[in-house]
């Protein structure tokens, strides 16, 4: 996970320096030329997930990571100073979290409360959301010089609404292994889609009219999903996460 985050971070830094000279080389007319309303973006970062507390088990997760991709449109061509700062997106995100510890509470008819041990596998969240963002470009709100760093900054807030599902892969533990004939318990399961929402806050830096980098933090929550485990016991993995990351946006 750390390697992936490091690669994404270094790539964004290199991209920033690669395109800085383009801004200096552009003429005044080129800089002010209106870009397309459409853009695409990719991003990634770290993801923290709350523990799951259920009758079958108490499951904790290691800090994981998130990857995102989106296609969006700006309303900046509207003849309204308020509405022209809105952006709308269709976003795909996947949150990856390996399991950490599991405390089995009820397996078959025997209580195993307090038996905390290392867990195997991962429990990911895959989401599809429509996102609306509102930008606060500092060049419009303050009298900053065009040459200054602040001229290119745009803080923003947003919220996503959509659906997600949980993908369980190779979930198991040493104690669970004792309850299957093969001696190696691994649970694979994909839940149904449920409603989710994700408020976020971030800041964008405009490198050129076509390339931007952004940093954001987001909260994600949804309705419960049900995972059917050993002997039909029901588990409800926690769907409350916090993440922070970086990304790059290309404006057509």
C-alpha atoms as a PDB file:
ATOM      1  CA  UNK A   1       0.000   0.000   0.000  1.00  0.00           C
ATOM      2  CA  UNK A   2       2.789   2.418   0.963  1.00  0.00           C
ATOM      3  CA  UNK A   3       4.523   1.780  -2.367  1.00  0.00           C
ATOM      4  CA  UNK A   4       1.343   2.599  -4.306  1.00  0.00           C
ATOM      5  CA  UNK A   5       0.786   5.849  -2.386  1.00  0.00           C
ATOM      6  CA  UNK A   6       4.450   6.809  -2.840  1.00  0.00           C
ATOM      7  CA  UNK A   7       4.300   6.170  -6.606  1.00  0.00           C
ATOM      8  CA  UNK A   8       1.102   8.240  -6.959  1.00  0.00           C
ATOM      9  CA  UNK A   9       2.616  11.087  -4.924  1.00  0.00           C
ATOM     10  CA  UNK A  10       5.874  11.172  -6.913  1.00  0.00           C
ATOM     11  CA  UNK A  11       3.948  10.980 -10.208  1.00  0.00           C
ATOM     12  CA  UNK A  12       1.861  14.014  -9.275  1.00  0.00           C
ATOM     13  CA  UNK A  13       4.946  16.007  -8.293  1.00  0.00           C
ATOM     14  CA  UNK A  14       6.672  15.171 -11.572  1.00  0.00           C
ATOM     15  CA  UNK A  15       3.518  16.053 -13.502  1.00  0.00           C
ATOM     16  CA  UNK A  16       3.356  19.417 -11.749  1.00  0.00           C
ATOM     17  CA  UNK A  17       6.914  20.336 -12.684  1.00  0.00           C
ATOM     18  CA  UNK A  18       6.496  18.950 -16.210  1.00  0.00           C
ATOM     19  CA  UNK A  19       3.588  21.267 -16.979  1.00  0.00           C
ATOM     20  CA  UNK A  20       4.748  24.373 -15.120  1.00  0.00           C
ATOM     21  CA  UNK A  21       6.817  25.492 -18.107  1.00  0.00           C
ATOM     22  CA  UNK A  22       3.738  25.273 -20.343  1.00  0.00           C
ATOM     23  CA  UNK A  23       2.023  27.969 -18.323  1.00  0.00           C
ATOM     24  CA  UNK A  24       5.044  30.258 -18.603  1.00  0.00           C
ATOM     25  CA  UNK A  25       5.277  29.663 -22.338  1.00  0.00           C
ATOM     26  CA  UNK A  26       1.628  30.303 -23.097  1.00  0.00           C
ATOM     27  CA  UNK A  27       0.741  33.727 -24.369  1.00  0.00           C
ATOM     28  CA  UNK A  28      -1.843  35.867 -22.568  1.00  0.00           C
ATOM     29  CA  UNK A  29      -4.419  34.972 -25.209  1.00  0.00           C
ATOM     30  CA  UNK A  30      -3.802  31.234 -24.818  1.00  0.00           C
ATOM     31  CA  UNK A  31      -4.043  31.385 -21.052  1.00  0.00           C
ATOM     32  CA  UNK A  32      -7.443  33.068 -21.194  1.00  0.00           C
ATOM     33  CA  UNK A  33      -8.784  30.799 -23.922  1.00  0.00           C
ATOM     34  CA  UNK A  34     -11.917  29.049 -22.719  1.00  0.00           C
ATOM     35  CA  UNK A  35     -11.441  25.351 -22.029  1.00  0.00           C
ATOM     36  CA  UNK A  36     -14.057  22.682 -22.583  1.00  0.00           C
ATOM     37  CA  UNK A  37     -16.582  22.118 -19.849  1.00  0.00           C
ATOM     38  CA  UNK A  38     -15.634  18.437 -19.659  1.00  0.00           C
ATOM     39  CA  UNK A  39     -12.853  16.774 -17.699  1.00  0.00           C
ATOM     40  CA  UNK A  40     -11.617  13.445 -16.351  1.00  0.00           C
ATOM     41  CA  UNK A  41      -9.774  12.772 -13.114  1.00  0.00           C
ATOM     42  CA  UNK A  42      -7.961   9.999 -11.268  1.00  0.00           C
ATOM     43  CA  UNK A  43      -6.801   9.911  -7.681  1.00  0.00           C
ATOM     44  CA  UNK A  44      -5.673   7.805  -4.775  1.00  0.00           C
ATOM     45  CA  UNK A  45      -4.829   7.948  -1.089  1.00  0.00           C
ATOM     46  CA  UNK A  46      -5.172   6.315   2.308  1.00  0.00           C
ATOM     47  CA  UNK A  47      -8.405   4.931   3.739  1.00  0.00           C
ATOM     48  CA  UNK A  48      -9.301   4.384   7.399  1.00  0.00           C
ATOM     49  CA  UNK A  49     -12.218   2.115   8.279  1.00  0.00           C
ATOM     50  CA  UNK A  50     -14.068   1.662  11.567  1.00  0.00           C
ATOM     51  CA  UNK A  51     -14.325  -1.753  13.205  1.00  0.00           C
ATOM     52  CA  UNK A  52     -17.320  -4.022  12.648  1.00  0.00           C
ATOM     53  CA  UNK A  53     -19.230  -5.214  15.705  1.00  0.00           C
ATOM     54  CA  UNK A  54     -21.587  -8.141  15.129  1.00  0.00           C
ATOM     55  CA  UNK A  55     -22.885 -11.138  17.062  1.00  0.00           C
ATOM     56  CA  UNK A  56     -20.683 -13.553  15.053  1.00  0.00           C
ATOM     57  CA  UNK A  57     -17.485 -11.505  15.329  1.00  0.00           C
ATOM     58  CA  UNK A  58     -15.737  -8.244  16.075  1.00  0.00           C
ATOM     59  CA  UNK A  59     -13.585  -7.442  13.044  1.00  0.00           C
ATOM     60  CA  UNK A  60     -10.971  -4.706  12.800  1.00  0.00           C
ATOM     61  CA  UNK A  61      -9.219  -3.458   9.672  1.00  0.00           C
ATOM     62  CA  UNK A  62      -5.767  -2.262   8.748  1.00  0.00           C
ATOM     63  CA  UNK A  63      -5.409   1.194   7.259  1.00  0.00           C
ATOM     64  CA  UNK A  64      -5.937   0.735   3.535  1.00  0.00           C
ATOM     65  CA  UNK A  65      -6.102   2.833   0.413  1.00  0.00           C
ATOM     66  CA  UNK A  66      -8.603   4.291  -2.025  1.00  0.00           C
ATOM     67  CA  UNK A  67      -8.499   4.724  -5.811  1.00  0.00           C
ATOM     68  CA  UNK A  68     -10.956   6.918  -7.719  1.00  0.00           C
ATOM     69  CA  UNK A  69     -11.838   7.836 -11.271  1.00  0.00           C
ATOM     70  CA  UNK A  70     -14.386  10.348 -12.510  1.00  0.00           C
ATOM     71  CA  UNK A  71     -15.747  12.118 -15.569  1.00  0.00           C
ATOM     72  CA  UNK A  72     -17.293  15.504 -14.964  1.00  0.00           C
ATOM     73  CA  UNK A  73     -18.542  18.775 -16.346  1.00  0.00           C
ATOM     74  CA  UNK A  74     -18.301  22.398 -15.255  1.00  0.00           C
ATOM     75  CA  UNK A  75     -21.029  25.002 -15.379  1.00  0.00           C
ATOM     76  CA  UNK A  76     -18.537  27.858 -15.811  1.00  0.00           C
ATOM     77  CA  UNK A  77     -20.085  28.985 -19.116  1.00  0.00           C
ATOM     78  CA  UNK A  78     -23.347  29.916 -17.438  1.00  0.00           C
ATOM     79  CA  UNK A  79     -24.095  33.619 -17.204  1.00  0.00           C
ATOM     80  CA  UNK A  80     -24.440  33.433 -13.436  1.00  0.00           C
ATOM     81  CA  UNK A  81     -21.559  34.041 -11.036  1.00  0.00           C
ATOM     82  CA  UNK A  82     -22.950  31.662  -8.428  1.00  0.00           C
ATOM     83  CA  UNK A  83     -23.936  28.735 -10.656  1.00  0.00           C
ATOM     84  CA  UNK A  84     -20.795  28.864 -12.798  1.00  0.00           C
ATOM     85  CA  UNK A  85     -18.689  27.532  -9.895  1.00  0.00           C
ATOM     86  CA  UNK A  86     -20.549  24.203  -9.764  1.00  0.00           C
ATOM     87  CA  UNK A  87     -19.080  20.939 -11.079  1.00  0.00           C
ATOM     88  CA  UNK A  88     -20.914  17.621 -11.474  1.00  0.00           C
ATOM     89  CA  UNK A  89     -19.263  14.215 -11.778  1.00  0.00           C
ATOM     90  CA  UNK A  90     -19.915  10.525 -12.186  1.00  0.00           C
ATOM     91  CA  UNK A  91     -17.395   8.816  -9.926  1.00  0.00           C
ATOM     92  CA  UNK A  92     -16.135   5.292  -9.367  1.00  0.00           C
ATOM     93  CA  UNK A  93     -14.232   4.536  -6.165  1.00  0.00           C
ATOM     94  CA  UNK A  94     -12.865   1.434  -4.523  1.00  0.00           C
ATOM     95  CA  UNK A  95     -11.704   1.311  -0.922  1.00  0.00           C
ATOM     96  CA  UNK A  96      -9.274  -1.486  -0.088  1.00  0.00           C
ATOM     97  CA  UNK A  97      -8.915  -2.680   3.511  1.00  0.00           C
ATOM     98  CA  UNK A  98      -7.205  -5.844   4.709  1.00  0.00           C
ATOM     99  CA  UNK A  99      -8.507  -7.343   7.922  1.00  0.00           C
ATOM    100  CA  UNK A 100      -6.435  -7.010  11.083  1.00  0.00           C
ATOM    101  CA  UNK A 101      -7.928  -8.778  14.126  1.00  0.00           C
ATOM    102  CA  UNK A 102     -11.024 -10.916  14.589  1.00  0.00           C
ATOM    103  CA  UNK A 103     -12.766 -11.757  17.835  1.00  0.00           C
ATOM    104  CA  UNK A 104     -15.135 -14.668  17.273  1.00  0.00           C
ATOM    105  CA  UNK A 105     -18.206 -14.415  19.467  1.00  0.00           C
ATOM    106  CA  UNK A 106     -20.397 -17.277  18.275  1.00  0.00           C
ATOM    107  CA  UNK A 107     -19.335 -20.143  16.034  1.00  0.00           C
ATOM    108  CA  UNK A 108     -21.837 -22.969  15.658  1.00  0.00           C
ATOM    109  CA  UNK A 109     -23.252 -23.306  19.202  1.00  0.00           C
ATOM    110  CA  UNK A 110     -20.107 -22.440  21.142  1.00  0.00           C
ATOM    111  CA  UNK A 111     -19.306 -18.937  22.366  1.00  0.00           C
ATOM    112  CA  UNK A 112     -15.714 -17.852  21.729  1.00  0.00           C
ATOM    113  CA  UNK A 113     -15.908 -14.397  23.246  1.00  0.00           C
ATOM    114  CA  UNK A 114     -12.495 -12.883  23.891  1.00  0.00           C
ATOM    115  CA  UNK A 115     -10.683 -15.133  21.431  1.00  0.00           C
ATOM    116  CA  UNK A 116      -8.964 -12.338  19.478  1.00  0.00           C
ATOM    117  CA  UNK A 117      -6.572 -13.454  16.762  1.00  0.00           C
ATOM    118  CA  UNK A 118      -5.107 -12.416  13.430  1.00  0.00           C
ATOM    119  CA  UNK A 119      -7.586 -12.360  10.573  1.00  0.00           C
ATOM    120  CA  UNK A 120      -6.940 -13.185   6.926  1.00  0.00           C
ATOM    121  CA  UNK A 121      -8.391 -11.640   3.812  1.00  0.00           C
ATOM    122  CA  UNK A 122      -9.826  -8.273   2.875  1.00  0.00           C
ATOM    123  CA  UNK A 123     -13.171  -6.484   2.837  1.00  0.00           C
ATOM    124  CA  UNK A 124     -13.375  -3.875   0.058  1.00  0.00           C
ATOM    125  CA  UNK A 125     -16.046  -1.291  -0.765  1.00  0.00           C
ATOM    126  CA  UNK A 126     -16.897  -0.522  -4.406  1.00  0.00           C
ATOM    127  CA  UNK A 127     -19.029   2.563  -5.031  1.00  0.00           C
ATOM    128  CA  UNK A 128     -20.666   4.435  -7.910  1.00  0.00           C
ATOM    129  CA  UNK A 129     -21.793   7.989  -7.168  1.00  0.00           C
ATOM    130  CA  UNK A 130     -23.077  11.175  -8.731  1.00  0.00           C
ATOM    131  CA  UNK A 131     -21.080  14.026  -7.179  1.00  0.00           C
ATOM    132  CA  UNK A 132     -21.775  17.745  -7.060  1.00  0.00           C
ATOM    133  CA  UNK A 133     -18.931  20.108  -6.132  1.00  0.00           C
ATOM    134  CA  UNK A 134     -18.763  23.846  -5.576  1.00  0.00           C
ATOM    135  CA  UNK A 135     -15.481  25.685  -6.211  1.00  0.00           C
ATOM    136  CA  UNK A 136     -14.247  28.835  -4.479  1.00  0.00           C
ATOM    137  CA  UNK A 137     -11.589  30.169  -6.921  1.00  0.00           C
ATOM    138  CA  UNK A 138      -9.468  32.650  -5.010  1.00  0.00           C
ATOM    139  CA  UNK A 139      -8.787  34.715  -8.150  1.00  0.00           C
ATOM    140  CA  UNK A 140     -12.515  35.558  -8.239  1.00  0.00           C
ATOM    141  CA  UNK A 141     -12.949  36.086  -4.520  1.00  0.00           C
ATOM    142  CA  UNK A 142      -9.814  38.070  -3.688  1.00  0.00           C
ATOM    143  CA  UNK A 143      -7.579  40.598  -5.407  1.00  0.00           C
ATOM    144  CA  UNK A 144      -4.578  38.320  -5.881  1.00  0.00           C
ATOM    145  CA  UNK A 145      -2.001  38.895  -8.578  1.00  0.00           C
ATOM    146  CA  UNK A 146      -1.933  36.559 -11.534  1.00  0.00           C
ATOM    147  CA  UNK A 147       1.670  35.662 -10.820  1.00  0.00           C
ATOM    148  CA  UNK A 148       0.958  34.592  -7.246  1.00  0.00           C
ATOM    149  CA  UNK A 149       0.459  31.047  -5.980  1.00  0.00           C
ATOM    150  CA  UNK A 150      -2.979  31.883  -4.551  1.00  0.00           C
ATOM    151  CA  UNK A 151      -4.273  32.912  -7.992  1.00  0.00           C
ATOM    152  CA  UNK A 152      -4.298  29.249  -9.029  1.00  0.00           C
ATOM    153  CA  UNK A 153      -5.974  27.833  -5.911  1.00  0.00           C
ATOM    154  CA  UNK A 154      -9.645  26.838  -5.672  1.00  0.00           C
ATOM    155  CA  UNK A 155     -10.902  25.302  -2.417  1.00  0.00           C
ATOM    156  CA  UNK A 156     -14.074  23.263  -2.905  1.00  0.00           C
ATOM    157  CA  UNK A 157     -16.746  21.298  -1.087  1.00  0.00           C
ATOM    158  CA  UNK A 158     -18.893  18.506  -2.456  1.00  0.00           C
ATOM    159  CA  UNK A 159     -21.130  15.561  -1.774  1.00  0.00           C
ATOM    160  CA  UNK A 160     -21.638  12.268  -3.573  1.00  0.00           C
ATOM    161  CA  UNK A 161     -24.807  10.174  -3.656  1.00  0.00           C
ATOM    162  CA  UNK A 162     -25.066   6.709  -5.101  1.00  0.00           C
ATOM    163  CA  UNK A 163     -24.719   3.002  -4.421  1.00  0.00           C
ATOM    164  CA  UNK A 164     -22.035   0.673  -3.157  1.00  0.00           C
ATOM    165  CA  UNK A 165     -21.438  -2.965  -2.353  1.00  0.00           C
ATOM    166  CA  UNK A 166     -18.977  -4.905  -0.223  1.00  0.00           C
ATOM    167  CA  UNK A 167     -16.580  -7.449  -1.718  1.00  0.00           C
ATOM    168  CA  UNK A 168     -15.227 -10.009   0.770  1.00  0.00           C
ATOM    169  CA  UNK A 169     -12.193 -11.991  -0.363  1.00  0.00           C
ATOM    170  CA  UNK A 170     -10.428 -14.881   1.430  1.00  0.00           C
ATOM    171  CA  UNK A 171     -11.771 -13.924   4.867  1.00  0.00           C
ATOM    172  CA  UNK A 172     -10.757 -16.400   7.578  1.00  0.00           C
ATOM    173  CA  UNK A 173      -8.735 -17.121  10.723  1.00  0.00           C
ATOM    174  CA  UNK A 174      -6.996 -19.992  12.515  1.00  0.00           C
ATOM    175  CA  UNK A 175     -10.024 -20.724  14.712  1.00  0.00           C
ATOM    176  CA  UNK A 176     -12.433 -20.679  11.775  1.00  0.00           C
ATOM    177  CA  UNK A 177     -10.197 -23.229  10.041  1.00  0.00           C
ATOM    178  CA  UNK A 178     -11.149 -25.789  12.717  1.00  0.00           C
ATOM    179  CA  UNK A 179     -14.792 -25.729  11.666  1.00  0.00           C
ATOM    180  CA  UNK A 180     -14.422 -26.804   8.039  1.00  0.00           C
ATOM    181  CA  UNK A 181     -13.397 -30.254   6.757  1.00  0.00           C
ATOM    182  CA  UNK A 182     -10.633 -28.857   4.570  1.00  0.00           C
ATOM    183  CA  UNK A 183      -8.984 -27.148   7.542  1.00  0.00           C
ATOM    184  CA  UNK A 184      -8.776 -23.828   5.695  1.00  0.00           C
ATOM    185  CA  UNK A 185     -11.784 -21.499   5.915  1.00  0.00           C
ATOM    186  CA  UNK A 186     -11.952 -18.726   3.322  1.00  0.00           C
ATOM    187  CA  UNK A 187     -15.091 -16.655   2.797  1.00  0.00           C
ATOM    188  CA  UNK A 188     -15.702 -15.036  -0.596  1.00  0.00           C
ATOM    189  CA  UNK A 189     -18.835 -12.947  -0.917  1.00  0.00           C
ATOM    190  CA  UNK A 190     -20.284 -10.007  -2.822  1.00  0.00           C
ATOM    191  CA  UNK A 191     -23.192  -8.145  -1.241  1.00  0.00           C
ATOM    192  CA  UNK A 192     -26.097  -6.397  -2.908  1.00  0.00           C
ATOM    193  CA  UNK A 193     -25.827  -2.680  -3.739  1.00  0.00           C
ATOM    194  CA  UNK A 194     -27.109  -0.250  -1.100  1.00  0.00           C
ATOM    195  CA  UNK A 195     -27.500   3.527  -0.933  1.00  0.00           C
ATOM    196  CA  UNK A 196     -24.402   5.525   0.096  1.00  0.00           C
ATOM    197  CA  UNK A 197     -23.274   9.133   0.464  1.00  0.00           C
ATOM    198  CA  UNK A 198     -19.892  10.824   0.705  1.00  0.00           C
ATOM    199  CA  UNK A 199     -19.308  14.473   1.680  1.00  0.00           C
ATOM    200  CA  UNK A 200     -15.837  15.812   0.859  1.00  0.00           C
ATOM    201  CA  UNK A 201     -13.659  18.919   1.033  1.00  0.00           C
ATOM    202  CA  UNK A 202     -10.570  19.730  -0.984  1.00  0.00           C
ATOM    203  CA  UNK A 203      -8.440  22.251  -2.819  1.00  0.00           C
ATOM    204  CA  UNK A 204      -7.441  22.403  -6.492  1.00  0.00           C
ATOM    205  CA  UNK A 205      -4.264  23.920  -7.936  1.00  0.00           C
ATOM    206  CA  UNK A 206      -4.438  24.943 -11.596  1.00  0.00           C
ATOM    207  CA  UNK A 207      -1.191  24.115 -13.388  1.00  0.00           C
ATOM    208  CA  UNK A 208      -2.483  25.138 -16.802  1.00  0.00           C
ATOM    209  CA  UNK A 209      -5.982  25.597 -18.183  1.00  0.00           C
ATOM    210  CA  UNK A 210      -5.967  21.887 -18.970  1.00  0.00           C
ATOM    211  CA  UNK A 211      -4.130  20.302 -16.038  1.00  0.00           C
ATOM    212  CA  UNK A 212      -4.936  20.547 -12.339  1.00  0.00           C
ATOM    213  CA  UNK A 213      -3.925  18.681  -9.207  1.00  0.00           C
ATOM    214  CA  UNK A 214      -6.155  18.366  -6.156  1.00  0.00           C
ATOM    215  CA  UNK A 215      -5.992  17.236  -2.539  1.00  0.00           C
ATOM    216  CA  UNK A 216      -9.125  16.114  -0.756  1.00  0.00           C
ATOM    217  CA  UNK A 217     -10.537  14.464   2.331  1.00  0.00           C
ATOM    218  CA  UNK A 218     -13.807  12.558   2.333  1.00  0.00           C
ATOM    219  CA  UNK A 219     -16.197  10.663   4.579  1.00  0.00           C
ATOM    220  CA  UNK A 220     -18.131   7.659   3.291  1.00  0.00           C
ATOM    221  CA  UNK A 221     -21.160   5.949   4.807  1.00  0.00           C
ATOM    222  CA  UNK A 222     -23.987   3.754   3.585  1.00  0.00           C
ATOM    223  CA  UNK A 223     -26.797   1.463   4.651  1.00  0.00           C
ATOM    224  CA  UNK A 224     -25.804  -1.862   6.134  1.00  0.00           C
ATOM    225  CA  UNK A 225     -25.108  -4.855   3.938  1.00  0.00           C
ATOM    226  CA  UNK A 226     -25.420  -8.484   4.981  1.00  0.00           C
ATOM    227  CA  UNK A 227     -22.710 -11.115   4.554  1.00  0.00           C
ATOM    228  CA  UNK A 228     -23.700 -14.747   5.081  1.00  0.00           C
ATOM    229  CA  UNK A 229     -20.892 -16.637   6.803  1.00  0.00           C
ATOM    230  CA  UNK A 230     -20.321 -19.971   8.529  1.00  0.00           C
ATOM    231  CA  UNK A 231     -23.539 -21.909   9.334  1.00  0.00           C
ATOM    232  CA  UNK A 232     -25.625 -19.036   7.964  1.00  0.00           C
ATOM    233  CA  UNK A 233     -24.453 -16.545  10.597  1.00  0.00           C
ATOM    234  CA  UNK A 234     -25.013 -12.978   9.406  1.00  0.00           C
ATOM    235  CA  UNK A 235     -22.278 -10.353   9.476  1.00  0.00           C
ATOM    236  CA  UNK A 236     -22.660  -6.626   8.813  1.00  0.00           C
ATOM    237  CA  UNK A 237     -19.231  -5.206   7.885  1.00  0.00           C
ATOM    238  CA  UNK A 238     -18.810  -1.561   8.807  1.00  0.00           C
ATOM    239  CA  UNK A 239     -19.236   0.851   5.886  1.00  0.00           C
ATOM    240  CA  UNK A 240     -18.026   4.010   7.627  1.00  0.00           C
ATOM    241  CA  UNK A 241     -14.668   5.245   6.315  1.00  0.00           C
ATOM    242  CA  UNK A 242     -12.480   8.337   6.170  1.00  0.00           C
ATOM    243  CA  UNK A 243      -9.957   8.892   3.412  1.00  0.00           C
ATOM    244  CA  UNK A 244      -7.525  11.508   2.206  1.00  0.00           C
ATOM    245  CA  UNK A 245      -5.679  11.640  -1.070  1.00  0.00           C
ATOM    246  CA  UNK A 246      -4.333  13.428  -4.105  1.00  0.00           C
ATOM    247  CA  UNK A 247      -5.307  13.362  -7.770  1.00  0.00           C
ATOM    248  CA  UNK A 248      -4.925  14.923 -11.175  1.00  0.00           C
ATOM    249  CA  UNK A 249      -7.649  16.399 -13.374  1.00  0.00           C
ATOM    250  CA  UNK A 250      -7.464  16.887 -17.143  1.00  0.00           C
ATOM    251  CA  UNK A 251      -9.754  19.524 -18.664  1.00  0.00           C
ATOM    252  CA  UNK A 252     -10.529  18.902 -22.330  1.00  0.00           C
END
